């Protein structure tokens, strides 16, 4: 069974899944890369490894070979690949099995679904193939709802996501890492009860870095003991450093700047709590996968695509109502003042990623569905109840959760 995954470029969020697909019984797997990785990503520590992976074909180097793979494979996984859309459409018209891996199409509001021009474009790309073997892998909890508005992929929407590298720890290893983090926090604050906390991302509007600095100021003002790692950077880095100086927060907040994914993971490993302040512009938010895999209790806004899938309130962390600052402040303060919850949520989050939300599980489940497609069987039988390849619930934006 030949499976081809076509997308813009391969990266550390996709490599684990691709490697896992290559190990599935009876699967011949190829990744088609349609464009070069952006310079901004390279500056963030991402690496272009497309020339080092034997299963990667670069469309810009060999267009004919790439097009042939897309048209002739048994199953196509189509991600974000504008350069390949014409050949993907040719495949769909021929009725060949295809999965569309997509984030939200109406990130800025579902009201945009009334646009005649937009509807025509969506019809050409999605809706007209509603009766074809064309399936949706929802990279975010609100993706299915967006596509339901245009009547695309009826009864063919599945939970999906991004699957960063999976790390495994013995209980003793995890405890040692968290103890190292407590020592870092204690040294920064002078308090043995201080909590090591992390925020990670670029300093761009939809990630709301200004919120994490405001939160640090307000928590410190009421005597909450913590040390905050800001693993990110951008145009406003100097402005935020000045903010820390003005408010006497240089010791309790460390801005690491743009750094490699490997370094971010090392910071997370020593942290007890991870905070995500992104709004609806965050299609998925792979840092949440990474934080949970690192044993962090998570506090995250409900608008980010991964949050309703990954974060279970009262189990793996806390969900904030959108960008409601007061809700974020109250829940963060409560969690930082309850180390027992930090530990419990962190352990549960680690288990969720180890057991369900990982590349191996996703690849195994997808390969099983692909075999059913090839055999002409009903793919909706015996589906998992949760995680990758479970039926997407078409959750409408945005999930509402109770306050404390």
Protein backbone atom coordinates (compact mmCIF):
# COMPACT_ATOMS: atom_id res chain seq x y z
CA UNK A 1 0.00 0.00 0.00
CA UNK A 2 1.63 3.20 -1.23
CA UNK A 3 0.90 6.22 1.00
CA UNK A 4 2.14 9.70 0.09
CA UNK A 5 2.04 12.74 2.37
CA UNK A 6 2.31 16.05 0.48
CA UNK A 7 2.87 19.27 2.42
CA UNK A 8 4.89 22.47 2.34
CA UNK A 9 7.97 21.17 4.18
CA UNK A 10 8.95 18.48 6.62
CA UNK A 11 9.84 19.57 10.15
CA UNK A 12 10.24 18.27 13.69
CA UNK A 13 6.46 18.27 14.20
CA UNK A 14 5.95 15.89 11.26
CA UNK A 15 9.06 13.71 11.25
CA UNK A 16 7.94 11.43 14.13
CA UNK A 17 4.66 10.67 12.31
CA UNK A 18 6.46 10.07 9.01
CA UNK A 19 8.97 7.76 10.67
CA UNK A 20 6.12 5.88 12.36
CA UNK A 21 4.28 5.48 9.05
CA UNK A 22 7.36 3.88 7.54
CA UNK A 23 7.23 1.13 10.18
CA UNK A 24 3.58 0.18 9.56
CA UNK A 25 3.15 -3.28 8.08
CA UNK A 26 2.58 -3.24 4.34
CA UNK A 27 3.06 0.53 3.99
CA UNK A 28 5.40 2.14 1.45
CA UNK A 29 5.61 5.78 2.58
CA UNK A 30 6.89 8.95 0.86
CA UNK A 31 6.79 12.61 1.90
CA UNK A 32 6.55 15.17 -0.92
CA UNK A 33 7.88 18.59 0.08
CA UNK A 34 6.54 21.44 -2.06
CA UNK A 35 8.61 24.42 -0.87
CA UNK A 36 11.72 25.42 1.04
CA UNK A 37 11.49 26.15 4.75
CA UNK A 38 11.18 29.86 5.59
CA UNK A 39 14.19 31.79 6.86
CA UNK A 40 12.21 32.88 9.95
CA UNK A 41 11.78 29.25 10.98
CA UNK A 42 15.48 28.56 10.48
CA UNK A 43 16.30 31.51 12.73
CA UNK A 44 14.07 29.93 15.39
CA UNK A 45 16.28 26.85 15.41
CA UNK A 46 14.25 24.72 13.00
CA UNK A 47 16.35 22.60 10.65
CA UNK A 48 16.03 21.81 6.96
CA UNK A 49 16.56 18.04 6.89
CA UNK A 50 14.78 17.34 3.61
CA UNK A 51 18.04 16.29 1.92
CA UNK A 52 18.90 13.88 4.74
CA UNK A 53 15.71 11.78 4.75
CA UNK A 54 15.51 9.04 2.14
CA UNK A 55 11.72 9.11 1.99
CA UNK A 56 11.46 12.83 1.09
CA UNK A 57 10.96 13.97 -2.52
CA UNK A 58 11.23 17.71 -3.14
CA UNK A 59 8.69 18.89 -5.68
CA UNK A 60 10.72 21.97 -6.61
CA UNK A 61 13.65 19.70 -7.55
CA UNK A 62 11.69 17.07 -9.48
CA UNK A 63 8.11 18.21 -10.29
CA UNK A 64 7.31 15.24 -12.54
CA UNK A 65 8.33 12.65 -9.96
CA UNK A 66 6.33 14.45 -7.27
CA UNK A 67 3.22 14.73 -9.43
CA UNK A 68 3.47 11.06 -10.37
CA UNK A 69 3.64 10.06 -6.70
CA UNK A 70 0.60 12.19 -5.85
CA UNK A 71 -1.49 10.75 -8.69
CA UNK A 72 -0.45 7.12 -8.52
CA UNK A 73 -0.30 6.39 -4.78
CA UNK A 74 -3.02 4.31 -3.14
CA UNK A 75 -3.69 6.86 -0.38
CA UNK A 76 -2.77 10.55 -0.38
CA UNK A 77 -2.43 12.70 2.73
CA UNK A 78 -2.73 16.32 1.61
CA UNK A 79 -1.52 19.01 3.97
CA UNK A 80 -0.84 22.69 3.27
CA UNK A 81 0.56 22.47 -0.26
CA UNK A 82 -0.59 25.30 -2.59
CA UNK A 83 1.94 24.27 -5.23
CA UNK A 84 0.32 20.83 -5.48
CA UNK A 85 -3.38 21.76 -5.38
CA UNK A 86 -3.91 21.36 -9.12
CA UNK A 87 -2.62 17.79 -9.19
CA UNK A 88 -4.50 17.00 -5.95
CA UNK A 89 -7.73 18.14 -7.65
CA UNK A 90 -6.97 15.88 -10.61
CA UNK A 91 -6.66 12.98 -8.20
CA UNK A 92 -9.94 13.84 -6.46
CA UNK A 93 -11.83 14.14 -9.74
CA UNK A 94 -10.63 10.61 -10.52
CA UNK A 95 -12.15 9.44 -7.22
CA UNK A 96 -8.88 8.30 -5.67
CA UNK A 97 -8.74 8.02 -1.83
CA UNK A 98 -7.41 11.19 -0.21
CA UNK A 99 -7.16 12.58 3.31
CA UNK A 100 -7.03 16.35 3.78
CA UNK A 101 -5.01 17.38 6.85
CA UNK A 102 -6.23 20.85 7.74
CA UNK A 103 -6.29 23.52 10.39
CA UNK A 104 -9.23 25.93 10.56
CA UNK A 105 -10.42 27.61 7.36
CA UNK A 106 -12.31 30.32 9.27
CA UNK A 107 -9.83 31.29 11.97
CA UNK A 108 -11.01 34.90 11.90
CA UNK A 109 -14.67 33.99 12.33
CA UNK A 110 -17.23 31.62 10.85
CA UNK A 111 -19.19 34.62 9.58
CA UNK A 112 -16.76 34.56 6.64
CA UNK A 113 -18.56 31.46 5.39
CA UNK A 114 -21.21 33.75 3.85
CA UNK A 115 -18.73 35.21 1.35
CA UNK A 116 -19.86 34.15 -2.18
CA UNK A 117 -16.31 34.32 -3.49
CA UNK A 118 -15.00 32.28 -0.58
CA UNK A 119 -17.77 29.71 -0.92
CA UNK A 120 -16.99 29.26 -4.60
CA UNK A 121 -13.33 28.63 -3.82
CA UNK A 122 -14.22 26.18 -1.02
CA UNK A 123 -16.68 24.42 -3.32
CA UNK A 124 -13.98 23.87 -5.93
CA UNK A 125 -11.52 22.54 -3.38
CA UNK A 126 -13.75 20.64 -0.96
CA UNK A 127 -17.55 20.59 -1.24
CA UNK A 128 -17.85 19.24 -4.79
CA UNK A 129 -16.01 16.12 -3.66
CA UNK A 130 -18.42 15.38 -0.80
CA UNK A 131 -19.41 12.01 -2.29
CA UNK A 132 -15.84 11.00 -3.11
CA UNK A 133 -13.46 8.99 -0.87
CA UNK A 134 -12.19 12.28 0.55
CA UNK A 135 -11.66 12.44 4.32
CA UNK A 136 -10.73 15.19 6.77
CA UNK A 137 -8.02 14.97 9.43
CA UNK A 138 -8.86 17.81 11.82
CA UNK A 139 -5.70 19.48 13.11
CA UNK A 140 -7.63 21.34 15.77
CA UNK A 141 -10.87 20.97 17.70
CA UNK A 142 -12.80 23.60 15.70
CA UNK A 143 -11.78 22.44 12.21
CA UNK A 144 -14.70 20.07 11.75
CA UNK A 145 -17.19 22.80 12.61
CA UNK A 146 -15.69 25.11 9.97
CA UNK A 147 -15.98 22.48 7.25
CA UNK A 148 -19.49 21.51 8.33
CA UNK A 149 -20.60 25.04 7.42
CA UNK A 150 -19.74 24.39 3.78
CA UNK A 151 -21.13 20.82 3.83
CA UNK A 152 -17.74 19.27 3.15
CA UNK A 153 -16.54 15.85 4.32
CA UNK A 154 -19.96 14.62 5.54
CA UNK A 155 -19.50 11.88 8.16
CA UNK A 156 -15.81 11.78 7.23
CA UNK A 157 -14.12 14.01 9.81
CA UNK A 158 -11.55 12.65 12.26
CA UNK A 159 -9.56 14.04 15.17
CA UNK A 160 -5.94 14.63 14.27
CA UNK A 161 -3.13 17.02 15.19
CA UNK A 162 0.62 17.42 15.18
CA UNK A 163 2.91 14.95 16.88
CA UNK A 164 6.30 16.26 18.07
CA UNK A 165 9.06 13.86 19.19
CA UNK A 166 7.94 11.62 22.04
CA UNK A 167 10.22 11.40 25.08
CA UNK A 168 9.94 8.68 27.71
CA UNK A 169 10.99 9.05 31.34
CA UNK A 170 11.24 6.77 34.32
CA UNK A 171 9.36 8.15 37.32
CA UNK A 172 12.67 8.77 39.06
CA UNK A 173 13.99 10.70 36.04
CA UNK A 174 10.95 12.95 35.95
CA UNK A 175 11.19 13.60 39.69
CA UNK A 176 14.87 14.54 39.36
CA UNK A 177 14.15 16.97 36.53
CA UNK A 178 11.34 18.65 38.45
CA UNK A 179 13.58 18.90 41.51
CA UNK A 180 16.19 20.67 39.38
CA UNK A 181 13.47 23.09 38.33
CA UNK A 182 12.48 23.76 41.93
CA UNK A 183 16.11 24.60 42.70
CA UNK A 184 16.23 27.05 39.78
CA UNK A 185 13.02 28.71 40.98
CA UNK A 186 14.29 28.84 44.57
CA UNK A 187 17.56 30.45 43.50
CA UNK A 188 15.70 33.09 41.48
CA UNK A 189 13.17 33.97 44.19
CA UNK A 190 14.80 33.03 47.46
CA UNK A 191 11.81 30.82 48.25
CA UNK A 192 11.89 27.02 48.42
CA UNK A 193 8.18 26.99 47.52
CA UNK A 194 8.65 28.81 44.20
CA UNK A 195 7.28 27.13 41.07
CA UNK A 196 9.15 26.77 37.77
CA UNK A 197 6.87 27.93 34.93
CA UNK A 198 7.32 28.10 31.14
CA UNK A 199 5.77 30.01 28.24
CA UNK A 200 7.07 29.30 24.72
CA UNK A 201 6.55 30.91 21.34
CA UNK A 202 7.36 33.73 18.97
CA UNK A 203 6.48 37.27 20.00
CA UNK A 204 3.60 37.59 17.53
CA UNK A 205 0.15 39.05 18.11
CA UNK A 206 -1.94 35.87 18.22
CA UNK A 207 0.32 34.30 20.88
CA UNK A 208 -0.16 37.34 23.17
CA UNK A 209 3.27 37.50 24.82
CA UNK A 210 2.18 40.75 26.47
CA UNK A 211 -0.27 38.71 28.54
CA UNK A 212 2.39 36.49 30.11
CA UNK A 213 4.43 39.52 31.21
CA UNK A 214 1.34 41.21 32.65
CA UNK A 215 0.50 37.97 34.44
CA UNK A 216 4.00 37.74 35.92
CA UNK A 217 3.74 41.29 37.23
CA UNK A 218 0.32 40.76 38.80
CA UNK A 219 1.22 37.43 40.41
CA UNK A 220 4.45 38.79 41.85
CA UNK A 221 2.54 41.78 43.26
CA UNK A 222 0.41 39.50 45.46
CA UNK A 223 3.35 37.42 46.65
CA UNK A 224 3.01 34.33 44.47
CA UNK A 225 6.42 32.66 44.26
CA UNK A 226 7.50 31.50 40.81
CA UNK A 227 10.22 31.67 38.20
CA UNK A 228 8.97 32.16 34.64
CA UNK A 229 10.89 30.99 31.57
CA UNK A 230 9.90 32.82 28.40
CA UNK A 231 11.32 30.61 25.65
CA UNK A 232 10.82 32.89 22.70
CA UNK A 233 11.61 36.20 21.13
CA UNK A 234 10.79 38.64 18.39
CA UNK A 235 10.55 42.31 17.50
CA UNK A 236 9.34 43.38 20.96
CA UNK A 237 12.00 41.56 22.94
CA UNK A 238 13.80 44.76 23.98
CA UNK A 239 10.48 46.29 25.01
CA UNK A 240 9.66 43.32 27.25
CA UNK A 241 13.12 43.30 28.80
CA UNK A 242 12.63 46.96 29.66
CA UNK A 243 9.24 46.09 31.19
CA UNK A 244 10.91 43.53 33.46
CA UNK A 245 13.49 46.07 34.61
CA UNK A 246 10.88 48.74 35.28
CA UNK A 247 8.87 46.35 37.43
CA UNK A 248 11.76 44.65 39.22
CA UNK A 249 11.06 41.28 37.62
CA UNK A 250 14.48 40.50 36.11
CA UNK A 251 15.19 37.75 38.64
CA UNK A 252 11.84 35.99 38.43
CA UNK A 253 11.39 36.14 34.63
CA UNK A 254 14.03 34.87 32.21
CA UNK A 255 13.68 35.66 28.50
CA UNK A 256 15.65 33.00 26.64
CA UNK A 257 15.08 34.49 23.18
CA UNK A 258 14.45 32.42 20.06
CA UNK A 259 15.97 29.04 20.70
CA UNK A 260 15.96 25.53 19.29
CA UNK A 261 13.10 23.07 19.90
CA UNK A 262 15.55 20.86 21.79
CA UNK A 263 16.41 23.67 24.21
CA UNK A 264 12.74 24.49 24.74
CA UNK A 265 12.09 20.87 25.70
CA UNK A 266 14.91 20.94 28.26
CA UNK A 267 13.34 24.01 29.84
CA UNK A 268 9.92 22.33 29.92
CA UNK A 269 11.34 19.20 31.53
CA UNK A 270 12.29 21.20 34.62
CA UNK A 271 9.02 23.13 34.77
CA UNK A 272 5.95 22.23 36.80
CA UNK A 273 3.52 24.44 34.87
CA UNK A 274 3.18 25.49 31.24
CA UNK A 275 1.02 28.44 30.14
CA UNK A 276 -0.40 29.02 26.64
CA UNK A 277 -1.88 32.49 26.03
CA UNK A 278 -2.66 32.14 22.30
CA UNK A 279 -5.99 33.12 20.77
CA UNK A 280 -7.84 31.63 17.77
CA UNK A 281 -4.84 32.34 15.53
CA UNK A 282 -3.12 29.29 17.03
CA UNK A 283 -4.22 26.56 14.63
CA UNK A 284 -2.87 23.79 16.83
CA UNK A 285 -0.13 24.63 19.37
CA UNK A 286 2.41 21.79 19.44
CA UNK A 287 4.09 23.32 22.49
CA UNK A 288 1.18 21.91 24.50
CA UNK A 289 1.99 18.37 23.32
CA UNK A 290 5.61 18.98 24.27
CA UNK A 291 4.74 20.43 27.68
CA UNK A 292 2.45 17.53 28.55
CA UNK A 293 5.08 15.04 27.39
CA UNK A 294 7.47 16.89 29.73
CA UNK A 295 5.17 16.36 32.71
CA UNK A 296 3.89 19.93 32.96
CA UNK A 297 0.45 20.87 34.23
CA UNK A 298 -1.07 23.03 31.49
CA UNK A 299 -3.08 26.23 31.63
CA UNK A 300 -4.29 27.20 28.16
CA UNK A 301 -6.84 29.37 26.40
CA UNK A 302 -9.73 27.49 24.80
CA UNK A 303 -9.33 29.14 21.40
CA UNK A 304 -6.09 27.35 20.45
CA UNK A 305 -6.88 24.35 18.27
CA UNK A 306 -5.19 21.64 20.34
CA UNK A 307 -6.64 22.64 23.70
CA UNK A 308 -10.08 20.94 23.72
CA UNK A 309 -8.45 17.77 22.36
CA UNK A 310 -5.47 17.61 24.73
CA UNK A 311 -6.29 19.52 27.91
CA UNK A 312 -8.92 17.94 30.14
CA UNK A 313 -9.99 20.37 32.89
CA UNK A 314 -9.30 18.94 36.30
CA UNK A 315 -7.32 16.06 34.78
CA UNK A 316 -4.35 17.34 32.76
CA UNK A 317 -4.69 21.04 33.51
CA UNK A 318 -6.99 24.04 33.30
CA UNK A 319 -8.68 25.70 30.33
CA UNK A 320 -9.20 29.46 30.22
CA UNK A 321 -12.18 31.06 28.48
CA UNK A 322 -10.53 32.46 25.38
CA UNK A 323 -8.38 35.46 26.18
CA UNK A 324 -10.25 36.31 29.40
CA UNK A 325 -7.39 37.73 31.47
CA UNK A 326 -9.15 37.55 34.83
CA UNK A 327 -9.93 33.87 34.26
CA UNK A 328 -6.29 33.25 33.34
CA UNK A 329 -5.04 35.12 36.41
CA UNK A 330 -7.32 33.31 38.85
CA UNK A 331 -6.61 29.84 37.50
CA UNK A 332 -2.87 30.41 37.26
CA UNK A 333 -2.68 31.75 40.80
CA UNK A 334 -4.72 28.82 42.10
CA UNK A 335 -2.55 26.24 40.34
CA UNK A 336 0.72 27.85 41.43
CA UNK A 337 -0.50 27.76 45.03
CA UNK A 338 -1.45 24.06 44.84
CA UNK A 339 1.62 21.88 44.17
CA UNK A 340 -0.44 18.70 44.58
CA UNK A 341 -2.49 19.66 41.52
CA UNK A 342 0.63 20.53 39.54
CA UNK A 343 1.96 17.04 40.16
CA UNK A 344 -1.33 15.29 39.44
CA UNK A 345 -2.05 17.20 36.23
CA UNK A 346 1.54 16.78 35.05
CA UNK A 347 1.47 13.01 35.49
CA UNK A 348 -1.91 12.69 33.76
CA UNK A 349 -0.76 14.84 30.84
CA UNK A 350 2.36 12.75 30.42
CA UNK A 351 0.25 9.57 30.30
CA UNK A 352 -2.14 11.10 27.75
CA UNK A 353 0.71 11.81 25.34
CA UNK A 354 2.51 8.53 26.01
CA UNK A 355 -0.61 6.42 25.52
CA UNK A 356 -2.75 8.28 22.96
CA UNK A 357 -1.59 11.59 21.51
CA UNK A 358 1.63 10.51 19.82
CA UNK A 359 2.94 9.75 16.34
CA UNK A 360 3.02 5.97 16.74
CA UNK A 361 -0.64 5.79 17.77
CA UNK A 362 -1.65 8.16 14.98
CA UNK A 363 0.25 6.19 12.34
CA UNK A 364 -1.05 2.83 13.51
CA UNK A 365 -4.66 4.01 13.55
CA UNK A 366 -4.43 5.79 10.20
CA UNK A 367 -2.81 2.78 8.54
CA UNK A 368 -5.63 0.57 9.85
CA UNK A 369 -8.25 2.87 8.31
CA UNK A 370 -6.31 2.99 5.03
CA UNK A 371 -6.33 -0.80 4.87
CA UNK A 372 -10.12 -0.75 5.25
CA UNK A 373 -10.39 1.76 2.41
CA UNK A 374 -8.29 -0.44 0.15
CA UNK A 375 -10.42 -3.47 1.09
CA UNK A 376 -13.68 -1.61 0.44
CA UNK A 377 -14.78 -1.94 4.07
CA UNK A 378 -16.73 0.53 6.23
CA UNK A 379 -14.07 2.70 7.85
CA UNK A 380 -16.39 3.96 10.59
CA UNK A 381 -16.53 0.61 12.37
CA UNK A 382 -14.26 -0.07 15.36
CA UNK A 383 -12.93 3.48 15.51
CA UNK A 384 -11.26 4.61 18.77
CA UNK A 385 -13.30 6.72 21.17
CA UNK A 386 -10.61 9.34 21.68
CA UNK A 387 -7.39 10.63 20.18
CA UNK A 388 -6.18 10.43 16.57
CA UNK A 389 -8.67 8.92 14.10
CA UNK A 390 -11.60 9.09 16.49
CA UNK A 391 -14.70 10.82 15.11
CA UNK A 392 -14.41 14.59 15.36
CA UNK A 393 -17.32 16.09 17.37
CA UNK A 394 -17.50 19.28 15.24
CA UNK A 395 -17.10 21.52 18.27
CA UNK A 396 -18.29 25.06 17.59
CA UNK A 397 -15.97 27.97 18.47
CA UNK A 398 -15.26 28.33 21.29
CA UNK A 399 -15.31 25.88 24.17
CA UNK A 400 -16.77 27.45 27.32
CA UNK A 401 -15.50 26.36 30.72
CA UNK A 402 -16.53 27.36 34.25
CA UNK A 403 -14.54 29.81 36.33
CA UNK A 404 -13.02 28.73 39.60
